């Protein structure tokens, strides 16, 4: 993960939300997640650390914040991710070898 082509400004997380009905029959719809540090590297986890994602189609959500939201620090003020940024969906197929995903979050307008 990069921000405006450069390093991430803070540690963050990425969540993979599986679209209903997009998975393999007999397998649960199950989200995946990962944490990243300022180097931007991550490995997705579904059941156990770094086990990857189940086959299916996923919406991707990236969070990178500096602080805790509250009355004096609303989400849009502490988040480094622009409110209108939506990463492209991800499709994972059965038997697919490990893949490398690159997400470049655009710089937030001031």
Protein backbone atom coordinates (compact mmCIF):
# COMPACT_ATOMS: atom_id res chain seq x y z
CA UNK A 1 0.00 0.00 0.00
CA UNK A 2 1.28 3.42 -0.89
CA UNK A 3 -0.16 6.89 -0.49
CA UNK A 4 0.26 9.23 -3.44
CA UNK A 5 3.04 6.97 -4.72
CA UNK A 6 5.01 7.21 -1.47
CA UNK A 7 5.12 5.44 1.88
CA UNK A 8 2.09 5.14 4.11
CA UNK A 9 1.87 8.05 6.57
CA UNK A 10 0.88 5.80 9.49
CA UNK A 11 0.17 2.19 10.35
CA UNK A 12 -3.23 0.99 9.14
CA UNK A 13 -5.43 -1.91 8.16
CA UNK A 14 -7.07 -3.38 5.11
CA UNK A 15 -10.33 -5.35 5.18
CA UNK A 16 -11.60 -7.64 2.43
CA UNK A 17 -15.41 -8.00 2.57
CA UNK A 18 -16.63 -10.96 0.53
CA UNK A 19 -19.63 -10.19 -1.67
CA UNK A 20 -22.61 -12.41 -0.74
CA UNK A 21 -22.97 -15.40 -3.04
CA UNK A 22 -19.57 -14.91 -4.68
CA UNK A 23 -17.77 -17.70 -2.86
CA UNK A 24 -17.49 -21.40 -3.52
CA UNK A 25 -20.47 -23.60 -2.66
CA UNK A 26 -19.95 -25.20 0.73
CA UNK A 27 -17.51 -22.54 1.92
CA UNK A 28 -18.57 -19.74 4.26
CA UNK A 29 -18.67 -16.10 3.23
CA UNK A 30 -15.85 -14.87 5.37
CA UNK A 31 -14.02 -11.54 5.37
CA UNK A 32 -10.27 -11.25 5.44
CA UNK A 33 -8.07 -8.58 6.94
CA UNK A 34 -4.48 -7.46 7.35
CA UNK A 35 -2.48 -4.81 9.14
CA UNK A 36 0.26 -2.77 7.52
CA UNK A 37 3.00 -0.55 8.83
CA UNK A 38 4.62 2.38 7.12
CA UNK A 39 6.34 0.04 4.64
CA UNK A 40 2.85 -0.74 3.28
CA UNK A 41 3.36 -4.52 3.18
CA UNK A 42 0.57 -6.84 4.27
CA UNK A 43 -0.50 -10.49 4.12
CA UNK A 44 -4.23 -11.30 4.23
CA UNK A 45 -5.69 -13.40 7.03
CA UNK A 46 -9.03 -15.22 7.01
CA UNK A 47 -8.84 -17.94 9.68
CA UNK A 48 -5.22 -17.94 10.86
CA UNK A 49 -2.35 -15.49 10.31
CA UNK A 50 -1.40 -14.94 6.67
CA UNK A 51 -3.54 -17.82 5.31
CA UNK A 52 -4.95 -15.67 2.50
CA UNK A 53 -8.51 -15.25 1.28
CA UNK A 54 -11.21 -17.74 0.33
CA UNK A 55 -12.29 -17.81 -3.33
CA UNK A 56 -14.79 -15.05 -4.10
CA UNK A 57 -15.25 -11.40 -4.97
CA UNK A 58 -14.25 -8.83 -2.35
CA UNK A 59 -14.82 -5.16 -1.65
CA UNK A 60 -11.63 -3.66 -0.26
CA UNK A 61 -11.51 -1.07 2.53
CA UNK A 62 -8.30 0.66 3.61
CA UNK A 63 -8.03 2.51 6.90
CA UNK A 64 -5.10 4.65 7.94
CA UNK A 65 -5.74 7.12 10.75
CA UNK A 66 -3.81 9.22 13.21
CA UNK A 67 -5.83 9.39 16.41
CA UNK A 68 -9.19 8.31 17.74
CA UNK A 69 -12.41 9.77 16.32
CA UNK A 70 -14.32 12.06 18.65
CA UNK A 71 -16.06 15.42 18.85
CA UNK A 72 -12.77 17.30 18.48
CA UNK A 73 -11.32 14.86 15.96
CA UNK A 74 -13.91 13.71 13.41
CA UNK A 75 -13.03 10.81 11.12
CA UNK A 76 -12.38 13.03 8.08
CA UNK A 77 -9.77 14.98 10.07
CA UNK A 78 -7.81 11.95 11.35
CA UNK A 79 -8.05 9.68 8.29
CA UNK A 80 -5.34 9.78 5.64
CA UNK A 81 -7.68 8.03 3.16
CA UNK A 82 -9.91 10.35 1.10
CA UNK A 83 -13.61 9.75 1.88
CA UNK A 84 -14.40 9.07 -1.78
CA UNK A 85 -11.56 6.58 -2.36
CA UNK A 86 -12.71 3.05 -3.19
CA UNK A 87 -10.04 0.52 -4.13
CA UNK A 88 -10.87 -1.80 -7.03
CA UNK A 89 -12.66 -5.02 -6.12
CA UNK A 90 -10.57 -8.14 -5.80
CA UNK A 91 -11.48 -11.54 -7.27
CA UNK A 92 -9.83 -14.63 -5.80
CA UNK A 93 -10.23 -17.92 -7.67
CA UNK A 94 -9.89 -21.46 -6.37
CA UNK A 95 -6.35 -22.78 -6.55
CA UNK A 96 -4.95 -19.34 -7.33
CA UNK A 97 -1.34 -19.02 -6.17
CA UNK A 98 -0.39 -16.18 -3.86
CA UNK A 99 -0.81 -12.83 -5.56
CA UNK A 100 0.69 -9.45 -4.94
CA UNK A 101 -1.79 -6.59 -4.76
CA UNK A 102 -0.74 -2.97 -4.96
CA UNK A 103 -3.05 -0.22 -3.78
CA UNK A 104 -2.02 3.41 -4.19
CA UNK A 105 -4.28 5.61 -2.11
CA UNK A 106 -4.47 9.07 -3.66
CA UNK A 107 -3.21 12.01 -1.66
CA UNK A 108 -5.98 13.61 0.35
CA UNK A 109 -7.00 17.07 -0.83
CA UNK A 110 -6.45 19.77 1.76
